[in-house]
C-alpha cells in the first residue's frame, strides 16, 4: 500500500466481504496509520 502512495491519515476504501484479504487490508492500514473505510457489497443498485 505504501508503494501506491498510501500514507498516514489517508482513507482506504475496501469493497469486500469478510475474507482473508479483508483482514490483511485491515492490518496493513493499521500498521501505516491509514484509515480503512468499509463499503458494504450488499449495497447495489
N, C-alpha and C. Protein backbone atom coordinates (compact mmCIF):
# COMPACT_ATOMS: atom_id res chain seq x y z
N UNK A 1 0.82 -1.19 0.00
CA UNK A 1 0.00 0.00 0.00
C UNK A 1 0.87 1.26 0.00
N UNK A 2 1.94 1.22 0.74
CA UNK A 2 2.80 2.39 0.79
C UNK A 2 3.44 2.62 -0.58
N UNK A 3 3.66 1.56 -1.33
CA UNK A 3 4.21 1.68 -2.67
C UNK A 3 3.26 2.36 -3.64
N UNK A 4 1.97 2.35 -3.30
CA UNK A 4 0.95 3.01 -4.13
C UNK A 4 0.65 4.41 -3.63
N UNK A 5 1.40 4.88 -2.63
CA UNK A 5 1.25 6.25 -2.16
C UNK A 5 0.33 6.44 -0.98
N UNK A 6 -0.10 5.36 -0.33
CA UNK A 6 -0.95 5.48 0.85
C UNK A 6 -0.08 5.89 2.03
N UNK A 7 -0.50 6.96 2.71
CA UNK A 7 0.27 7.49 3.84
C UNK A 7 -0.60 7.56 5.09
N UNK A 8 0.03 7.91 6.20
CA UNK A 8 -0.68 8.03 7.47
C UNK A 8 -1.80 9.06 7.33
N UNK A 9 -3.00 8.68 7.79
CA UNK A 9 -4.16 9.57 7.74
C UNK A 9 -4.99 9.45 6.48
N UNK A 10 -4.50 8.73 5.47
CA UNK A 10 -5.27 8.54 4.23
C UNK A 10 -6.43 7.58 4.47
N UNK A 11 -7.50 7.76 3.71
CA UNK A 11 -8.64 6.86 3.77
C UNK A 11 -8.49 5.80 2.67
N UNK A 12 -8.67 4.55 3.05
CA UNK A 12 -8.57 3.44 2.10
C UNK A 12 -9.91 2.72 2.11
N UNK A 13 -10.63 2.78 0.99
CA UNK A 13 -11.91 2.12 0.88
C UNK A 13 -11.75 0.70 0.38
N UNK A 14 -12.48 -0.23 0.99
CA UNK A 14 -12.45 -1.62 0.55
C UNK A 14 -13.88 -2.11 0.40
N UNK A 15 -14.17 -2.65 -0.79
CA UNK A 15 -15.48 -3.19 -1.08
C UNK A 15 -15.32 -4.70 -1.14
N UNK A 16 -15.53 -5.36 -0.01
CA UNK A 16 -15.32 -6.80 0.06
C UNK A 16 -16.08 -7.38 1.25
N UNK A 17 -16.33 -8.67 1.17
CA UNK A 17 -16.90 -9.36 2.32
C UNK A 17 -15.75 -9.79 3.23
N UNK A 18 -16.07 -10.26 4.40
CA UNK A 18 -15.03 -10.62 5.38
C UNK A 18 -14.33 -11.92 4.98
N UNK A 19 -13.20 -11.76 4.31
CA UNK A 19 -12.33 -12.86 3.94
C UNK A 19 -10.92 -12.53 4.39
N UNK A 20 -10.01 -13.40 4.10
CA UNK A 20 -8.61 -13.21 4.49
C UNK A 20 -8.05 -11.89 3.96
N UNK A 21 -8.39 -11.54 2.73
CA UNK A 21 -7.89 -10.30 2.14
C UNK A 21 -8.34 -9.08 2.93
N UNK A 22 -9.56 -9.12 3.42
CA UNK A 22 -10.11 -8.01 4.20
C UNK A 22 -9.30 -7.82 5.48
N UNK A 23 -8.94 -8.92 6.13
CA UNK A 23 -8.16 -8.85 7.36
C UNK A 23 -6.75 -8.32 7.07
N UNK A 24 -6.16 -8.74 5.95
CA UNK A 24 -4.83 -8.27 5.57
C UNK A 24 -4.86 -6.75 5.35
N UNK A 25 -5.89 -6.25 4.67
CA UNK A 25 -6.01 -4.81 4.44
C UNK A 25 -6.20 -4.08 5.78
N UNK A 26 -6.96 -4.66 6.68
CA UNK A 26 -7.19 -4.03 7.98
C UNK A 26 -5.88 -3.87 8.74
N UNK A 27 -5.08 -4.92 8.79
CA UNK A 27 -3.80 -4.84 9.50
C UNK A 27 -2.82 -3.93 8.78
N UNK A 28 -2.82 -3.95 7.45
CA UNK A 28 -1.90 -3.09 6.69
C UNK A 28 -2.21 -1.62 6.91
N UNK A 29 -3.49 -1.26 6.89
CA UNK A 29 -3.84 0.14 7.11
C UNK A 29 -3.51 0.57 8.54
N UNK A 30 -3.73 -0.32 9.49
CA UNK A 30 -3.41 0.00 10.89
C UNK A 30 -1.91 0.19 11.07
N UNK A 31 -1.13 -0.61 10.40
CA UNK A 31 0.33 -0.53 10.55
C UNK A 31 0.88 0.78 10.02
N UNK A 32 0.33 1.29 8.90
CA UNK A 32 0.86 2.53 8.34
C UNK A 32 0.11 3.76 8.85
N UNK A 33 -0.95 3.55 9.61
CA UNK A 33 -1.69 4.68 10.18
C UNK A 33 -2.78 5.21 9.28
N UNK A 34 -3.13 4.46 8.24
CA UNK A 34 -4.23 4.87 7.37
C UNK A 34 -5.56 4.44 7.99
N UNK A 35 -6.65 4.92 7.43
CA UNK A 35 -7.98 4.63 7.94
C UNK A 35 -8.72 3.78 6.92
N UNK A 36 -9.14 2.58 7.33
CA UNK A 36 -9.87 1.69 6.43
C UNK A 36 -11.35 2.03 6.47
N UNK A 37 -11.94 2.22 5.29
CA UNK A 37 -13.35 2.53 5.17
C UNK A 37 -14.04 1.32 4.53
N UNK A 38 -14.94 0.70 5.28
CA UNK A 38 -15.64 -0.48 4.77
C UNK A 38 -16.82 -0.07 3.91
N UNK A 39 -16.92 -0.67 2.74
CA UNK A 39 -18.06 -0.44 1.86
C UNK A 39 -18.80 -1.76 1.75
N UNK A 40 -20.05 -1.78 2.15
CA UNK A 40 -20.84 -3.00 2.17
C UNK A 40 -21.17 -3.45 0.75
N UNK A 41 -20.72 -4.68 0.35
CA UNK A 41 -21.01 -5.15 -1.01
C UNK A 41 -22.48 -5.45 -1.25
N UNK A 42 -23.28 -5.48 -0.19
CA UNK A 42 -24.72 -5.71 -0.36
C UNK A 42 -25.43 -4.47 -0.89
N UNK A 43 -24.80 -3.30 -0.80
CA UNK A 43 -25.39 -2.07 -1.29
C UNK A 43 -25.17 -1.96 -2.80
N UNK A 44 -26.13 -2.38 -3.55
CA UNK A 44 -26.04 -2.33 -5.02
C UNK A 44 -27.32 -1.73 -5.57
N UNK A 45 -27.19 -1.13 -6.72
CA UNK A 45 -28.37 -0.53 -7.35
C UNK A 45 -29.19 -1.60 -8.03
